[in-house]
N, C-alpha and C. Protein backbone atom coordinates (compact mmCIF):
# COMPACT_ATOMS: atom_id res chain seq x y z
N MET A 1 -33.83 -0.91 -41.38
CA MET A 1 -32.98 -0.54 -40.27
C MET A 1 -33.70 0.48 -39.41
N SER A 2 -33.60 0.32 -38.13
CA SER A 2 -34.30 1.20 -37.20
C SER A 2 -33.58 2.53 -37.06
N LYS A 3 -34.34 3.59 -36.81
CA LYS A 3 -33.76 4.91 -36.59
C LYS A 3 -33.14 5.01 -35.21
N ASN A 4 -33.55 4.12 -34.30
CA ASN A 4 -33.05 4.15 -32.94
C ASN A 4 -31.60 3.66 -32.94
N LYS A 5 -30.72 4.42 -32.33
CA LYS A 5 -29.31 4.08 -32.34
C LYS A 5 -28.89 3.36 -31.06
N LEU A 6 -29.86 2.95 -30.24
CA LEU A 6 -29.56 2.24 -29.02
C LEU A 6 -29.02 0.86 -29.35
N VAL A 7 -27.87 0.53 -28.79
CA VAL A 7 -27.26 -0.77 -29.03
C VAL A 7 -27.50 -1.68 -27.84
N TYR A 8 -27.32 -1.15 -26.63
CA TYR A 8 -27.44 -1.97 -25.43
C TYR A 8 -27.87 -1.08 -24.28
N SER A 9 -28.78 -1.58 -23.45
CA SER A 9 -29.21 -0.84 -22.27
C SER A 9 -29.09 -1.73 -21.05
N THR A 10 -28.58 -1.17 -19.96
CA THR A 10 -28.48 -1.94 -18.71
C THR A 10 -29.75 -1.85 -17.90
N ASN A 11 -30.70 -1.04 -18.33
CA ASN A 11 -31.97 -0.89 -17.63
C ASN A 11 -32.88 -2.06 -18.01
N PRO A 12 -33.24 -2.92 -17.04
CA PRO A 12 -34.08 -4.07 -17.39
C PRO A 12 -35.51 -3.68 -17.74
N ASP A 13 -35.95 -2.47 -17.35
CA ASP A 13 -37.32 -2.03 -17.63
C ASP A 13 -37.43 -1.19 -18.90
N TYR A 14 -36.34 -1.02 -19.62
CA TYR A 14 -36.34 -0.17 -20.81
C TYR A 14 -37.14 -0.85 -21.93
N SER A 15 -37.93 -0.05 -22.61
CA SER A 15 -38.73 -0.56 -23.71
C SER A 15 -38.62 0.39 -24.89
N LEU A 16 -38.34 -0.13 -26.07
CA LEU A 16 -38.24 0.70 -27.26
C LEU A 16 -39.58 1.33 -27.61
N GLU A 17 -40.68 0.65 -27.34
CA GLU A 17 -41.99 1.17 -27.67
C GLU A 17 -42.27 2.46 -26.93
N GLU A 18 -41.90 2.54 -25.64
CA GLU A 18 -42.13 3.76 -24.87
C GLU A 18 -41.36 4.92 -25.48
N ASN A 19 -40.13 4.68 -25.88
CA ASN A 19 -39.30 5.73 -26.45
C ASN A 19 -39.89 6.22 -27.76
N GLU A 20 -40.41 5.34 -28.59
CA GLU A 20 -41.00 5.73 -29.86
C GLU A 20 -42.26 6.55 -29.65
N GLU A 21 -43.06 6.22 -28.61
CA GLU A 21 -44.26 6.99 -28.33
C GLU A 21 -43.91 8.42 -27.94
N GLN A 22 -42.84 8.60 -27.17
CA GLN A 22 -42.43 9.94 -26.78
C GLN A 22 -42.00 10.75 -28.00
N ASN A 23 -41.32 10.12 -28.94
CA ASN A 23 -40.92 10.82 -30.16
C ASN A 23 -42.14 11.25 -30.96
N ASP A 24 -43.19 10.42 -30.99
CA ASP A 24 -44.40 10.78 -31.71
C ASP A 24 -45.08 11.98 -31.08
N LEU A 25 -45.02 12.10 -29.75
CA LEU A 25 -45.63 13.25 -29.09
C LEU A 25 -44.91 14.53 -29.46
N ASN A 26 -43.59 14.48 -29.62
CA ASN A 26 -42.83 15.67 -29.98
C ASN A 26 -43.14 16.12 -31.41
N LYS A 27 -43.57 15.21 -32.25
CA LYS A 27 -43.78 15.54 -33.66
C LYS A 27 -45.21 16.00 -33.94
N GLU A 28 -46.02 16.21 -32.91
CA GLU A 28 -47.38 16.66 -33.12
C GLU A 28 -47.35 18.08 -33.67
N THR A 29 -47.65 18.22 -34.95
CA THR A 29 -47.51 19.51 -35.61
C THR A 29 -48.76 20.37 -35.53
N SER A 30 -49.92 19.76 -35.50
CA SER A 30 -51.15 20.56 -35.57
C SER A 30 -51.40 21.36 -34.30
N SER A 31 -50.79 20.98 -33.18
CA SER A 31 -51.04 21.70 -31.93
C SER A 31 -50.02 22.80 -31.66
N GLN A 32 -48.99 22.92 -32.46
CA GLN A 32 -47.97 23.94 -32.23
C GLN A 32 -48.44 25.31 -32.69
N LYS A 33 -48.10 26.32 -31.91
CA LYS A 33 -48.48 27.69 -32.23
C LYS A 33 -47.28 28.43 -32.80
N LEU A 34 -47.15 28.40 -34.11
CA LEU A 34 -46.05 29.11 -34.76
C LEU A 34 -46.50 30.51 -35.13
N ARG A 35 -45.63 31.47 -34.91
CA ARG A 35 -45.92 32.86 -35.23
C ARG A 35 -44.88 33.38 -36.21
N ILE A 36 -45.34 34.16 -37.18
CA ILE A 36 -44.47 34.68 -38.23
C ILE A 36 -44.51 36.20 -38.17
N ARG A 37 -43.34 36.84 -38.25
CA ARG A 37 -43.29 38.30 -38.27
C ARG A 37 -42.21 38.75 -39.24
N LEU A 38 -42.37 39.96 -39.72
CA LEU A 38 -41.39 40.58 -40.61
C LEU A 38 -40.55 41.53 -39.77
N GLU A 39 -39.24 41.47 -39.95
CA GLU A 39 -38.35 42.29 -39.14
C GLU A 39 -37.28 42.94 -40.01
N THR A 40 -36.95 44.19 -39.68
CA THR A 40 -35.87 44.89 -40.39
C THR A 40 -34.82 45.43 -39.42
N LYS A 41 -35.06 45.34 -38.13
CA LYS A 41 -34.11 45.87 -37.15
C LYS A 41 -32.79 45.09 -37.18
N HIS A 42 -31.71 45.81 -37.01
CA HIS A 42 -30.35 45.24 -36.93
C HIS A 42 -29.98 44.45 -38.18
N ARG A 43 -30.55 44.79 -39.33
CA ARG A 43 -30.26 44.07 -40.56
C ARG A 43 -29.93 45.03 -41.69
N ALA A 44 -29.49 46.21 -41.36
CA ALA A 44 -29.11 47.22 -42.35
C ALA A 44 -30.24 47.52 -43.32
N GLY A 45 -31.47 47.53 -42.81
CA GLY A 45 -32.63 47.86 -43.63
C GLY A 45 -33.17 46.72 -44.46
N LYS A 46 -32.52 45.57 -44.43
CA LYS A 46 -33.00 44.42 -45.21
C LYS A 46 -34.07 43.68 -44.42
N LYS A 47 -35.02 43.11 -45.13
CA LYS A 47 -36.14 42.43 -44.49
C LYS A 47 -35.79 40.97 -44.21
N ALA A 48 -36.36 40.46 -43.11
CA ALA A 48 -36.20 39.06 -42.75
C ALA A 48 -37.51 38.56 -42.16
N THR A 49 -37.90 37.37 -42.54
CA THR A 49 -39.09 36.73 -42.00
C THR A 49 -38.66 35.85 -40.84
N ILE A 50 -39.26 36.08 -39.67
CA ILE A 50 -38.90 35.34 -38.47
C ILE A 50 -40.06 34.44 -38.08
N ILE A 51 -39.76 33.16 -37.86
CA ILE A 51 -40.76 32.18 -37.42
C ILE A 51 -40.34 31.71 -36.04
N HIS A 52 -41.22 31.89 -35.06
CA HIS A 52 -40.89 31.48 -33.70
C HIS A 52 -42.06 30.73 -33.08
N GLY A 53 -41.80 30.08 -31.96
CA GLY A 53 -42.82 29.32 -31.26
C GLY A 53 -42.74 27.83 -31.51
N PHE A 54 -41.69 27.35 -32.16
CA PHE A 54 -41.56 25.92 -32.46
C PHE A 54 -41.23 25.17 -31.18
N GLU A 55 -41.94 24.09 -30.93
CA GLU A 55 -41.68 23.24 -29.78
C GLU A 55 -41.14 21.91 -30.29
N GLY A 56 -39.90 21.64 -29.99
CA GLY A 56 -39.28 20.41 -30.44
C GLY A 56 -37.78 20.51 -30.31
N SER A 57 -37.09 19.51 -30.79
CA SER A 57 -35.64 19.50 -30.67
C SER A 57 -35.01 20.45 -31.70
N ASP A 58 -33.75 20.76 -31.46
CA ASP A 58 -33.03 21.64 -32.39
C ASP A 58 -32.88 20.98 -33.76
N ASN A 59 -32.73 19.66 -33.78
CA ASN A 59 -32.61 18.96 -35.06
C ASN A 59 -33.90 19.07 -35.88
N GLU A 60 -35.04 18.94 -35.20
CA GLU A 60 -36.32 19.07 -35.90
C GLU A 60 -36.51 20.48 -36.43
N LEU A 61 -36.04 21.47 -35.66
CA LEU A 61 -36.13 22.86 -36.09
C LEU A 61 -35.26 23.08 -37.33
N GLU A 62 -34.06 22.49 -37.33
CA GLU A 62 -33.17 22.60 -38.49
C GLU A 62 -33.80 21.97 -39.73
N VAL A 63 -34.45 20.83 -39.55
CA VAL A 63 -35.09 20.15 -40.68
C VAL A 63 -36.23 21.00 -41.24
N LEU A 64 -37.05 21.58 -40.34
CA LEU A 64 -38.14 22.44 -40.79
C LEU A 64 -37.60 23.67 -41.52
N ALA A 65 -36.54 24.26 -40.99
CA ALA A 65 -35.94 25.44 -41.64
C ALA A 65 -35.42 25.08 -43.02
N LYS A 66 -34.79 23.92 -43.13
CA LYS A 66 -34.26 23.51 -44.44
C LYS A 66 -35.39 23.30 -45.44
N GLN A 67 -36.50 22.71 -45.00
CA GLN A 67 -37.65 22.52 -45.89
C GLN A 67 -38.18 23.86 -46.38
N LEU A 68 -38.34 24.80 -45.46
CA LEU A 68 -38.86 26.10 -45.84
C LEU A 68 -37.92 26.83 -46.79
N LYS A 69 -36.64 26.84 -46.48
CA LYS A 69 -35.67 27.54 -47.33
C LYS A 69 -35.60 26.92 -48.71
N THR A 70 -35.70 25.60 -48.79
CA THR A 70 -35.64 24.92 -50.08
C THR A 70 -36.88 25.24 -50.92
N LYS A 71 -38.05 25.17 -50.30
CA LYS A 71 -39.28 25.42 -51.05
C LYS A 71 -39.43 26.88 -51.45
N LEU A 72 -38.90 27.79 -50.62
CA LEU A 72 -38.98 29.21 -50.96
C LEU A 72 -37.83 29.64 -51.88
N GLY A 73 -36.77 28.87 -51.91
CA GLY A 73 -35.63 29.20 -52.75
C GLY A 73 -34.82 30.37 -52.23
N VAL A 74 -34.72 30.49 -50.91
CA VAL A 74 -34.00 31.60 -50.30
C VAL A 74 -33.04 31.09 -49.24
N GLY A 75 -32.24 31.99 -48.71
CA GLY A 75 -31.32 31.66 -47.65
C GLY A 75 -31.93 31.95 -46.30
N GLY A 76 -31.23 31.55 -45.27
CA GLY A 76 -31.69 31.80 -43.93
C GLY A 76 -30.89 31.00 -42.94
N SER A 77 -31.33 31.03 -41.69
CA SER A 77 -30.61 30.31 -40.64
C SER A 77 -31.56 30.03 -39.48
N VAL A 78 -31.03 29.30 -38.49
CA VAL A 78 -31.74 29.03 -37.26
C VAL A 78 -30.90 29.60 -36.13
N LYS A 79 -31.52 30.45 -35.32
CA LYS A 79 -30.79 31.07 -34.22
C LYS A 79 -31.74 31.29 -33.05
N ASP A 80 -31.34 30.88 -31.87
CA ASP A 80 -32.10 31.08 -30.63
C ASP A 80 -33.53 30.53 -30.73
N GLY A 81 -33.70 29.39 -31.35
CA GLY A 81 -35.02 28.77 -31.45
C GLY A 81 -35.94 29.42 -32.47
N GLU A 82 -35.39 30.26 -33.33
CA GLU A 82 -36.17 30.93 -34.36
C GLU A 82 -35.61 30.60 -35.74
N ILE A 83 -36.50 30.53 -36.71
CA ILE A 83 -36.09 30.35 -38.10
C ILE A 83 -36.05 31.73 -38.74
N ILE A 84 -34.92 32.09 -39.31
CA ILE A 84 -34.75 33.39 -39.97
C ILE A 84 -34.64 33.13 -41.46
N ILE A 85 -35.57 33.71 -42.23
CA ILE A 85 -35.57 33.56 -43.68
C ILE A 85 -35.32 34.93 -44.28
N GLN A 86 -34.37 35.00 -45.20
CA GLN A 86 -34.02 36.28 -45.81
C GLN A 86 -35.12 36.73 -46.77
N GLY A 87 -35.63 37.94 -46.54
CA GLY A 87 -36.63 38.52 -47.43
C GLY A 87 -38.02 38.52 -46.81
N ASP A 88 -38.95 39.11 -47.54
CA ASP A 88 -40.34 39.23 -47.10
C ASP A 88 -41.13 38.05 -47.64
N TYR A 89 -41.22 36.98 -46.86
CA TYR A 89 -41.92 35.76 -47.26
C TYR A 89 -42.95 35.36 -46.22
N VAL A 90 -43.60 36.33 -45.59
CA VAL A 90 -44.53 36.03 -44.51
C VAL A 90 -45.69 35.17 -45.01
N GLN A 91 -46.36 35.59 -46.07
CA GLN A 91 -47.53 34.86 -46.55
C GLN A 91 -47.15 33.51 -47.14
N LYS A 92 -46.08 33.46 -47.92
CA LYS A 92 -45.65 32.19 -48.51
C LYS A 92 -45.21 31.20 -47.44
N ALA A 93 -44.50 31.69 -46.42
CA ALA A 93 -44.07 30.81 -45.32
C ALA A 93 -45.28 30.28 -44.56
N LYS A 94 -46.27 31.15 -44.34
CA LYS A 94 -47.50 30.72 -43.65
C LYS A 94 -48.20 29.63 -44.44
N ASP A 95 -48.33 29.82 -45.75
CA ASP A 95 -48.98 28.83 -46.60
C ASP A 95 -48.23 27.49 -46.57
N LEU A 96 -46.91 27.55 -46.62
CA LEU A 96 -46.11 26.32 -46.59
C LEU A 96 -46.24 25.60 -45.24
N LEU A 97 -46.23 26.35 -44.16
CA LEU A 97 -46.36 25.74 -42.84
C LEU A 97 -47.72 25.07 -42.68
N ILE A 98 -48.75 25.68 -43.20
CA ILE A 98 -50.08 25.07 -43.13
C ILE A 98 -50.12 23.79 -43.96
N GLN A 99 -49.46 23.80 -45.13
CA GLN A 99 -49.37 22.59 -45.95
C GLN A 99 -48.61 21.48 -45.22
N LEU A 100 -47.61 21.86 -44.42
CA LEU A 100 -46.81 20.87 -43.69
C LEU A 100 -47.53 20.35 -42.45
N GLY A 101 -48.70 20.91 -42.12
CA GLY A 101 -49.47 20.41 -40.99
C GLY A 101 -49.48 21.31 -39.78
N TYR A 102 -48.85 22.45 -39.83
CA TYR A 102 -48.84 23.39 -38.72
C TYR A 102 -50.09 24.28 -38.86
N LYS A 103 -51.22 23.78 -38.40
CA LYS A 103 -52.51 24.43 -38.63
C LYS A 103 -52.65 25.73 -37.83
N ASN A 104 -52.04 25.83 -36.67
CA ASN A 104 -52.20 26.99 -35.80
C ASN A 104 -51.07 27.99 -36.06
N THR A 105 -50.98 28.48 -37.28
CA THR A 105 -49.92 29.40 -37.69
C THR A 105 -50.52 30.75 -38.01
N LYS A 106 -49.91 31.80 -37.45
CA LYS A 106 -50.38 33.16 -37.71
C LYS A 106 -49.20 34.05 -38.04
């Protein structure tokens, strides 16, 4: 079964192949510049690892956040285009992102 949920299009020039190519361009992970920082402001002194710079849809960001939280075994959320992970996991998050194909991660 196809992931495309298109049932009918009135556009005679519409092509599914073009749409799939655009989705592949959005998923290019090696060219994204993700940045990781440790933050304690506005968190009652508790540490949080913030990952920002993701280019893609909100759904893709949610999926990436879920992967990271699951592999790290911690909680977190996605807010304003940033992944917030509870605790000091800067190095572990960096290692996981590089394993997932995000080569330009600092």
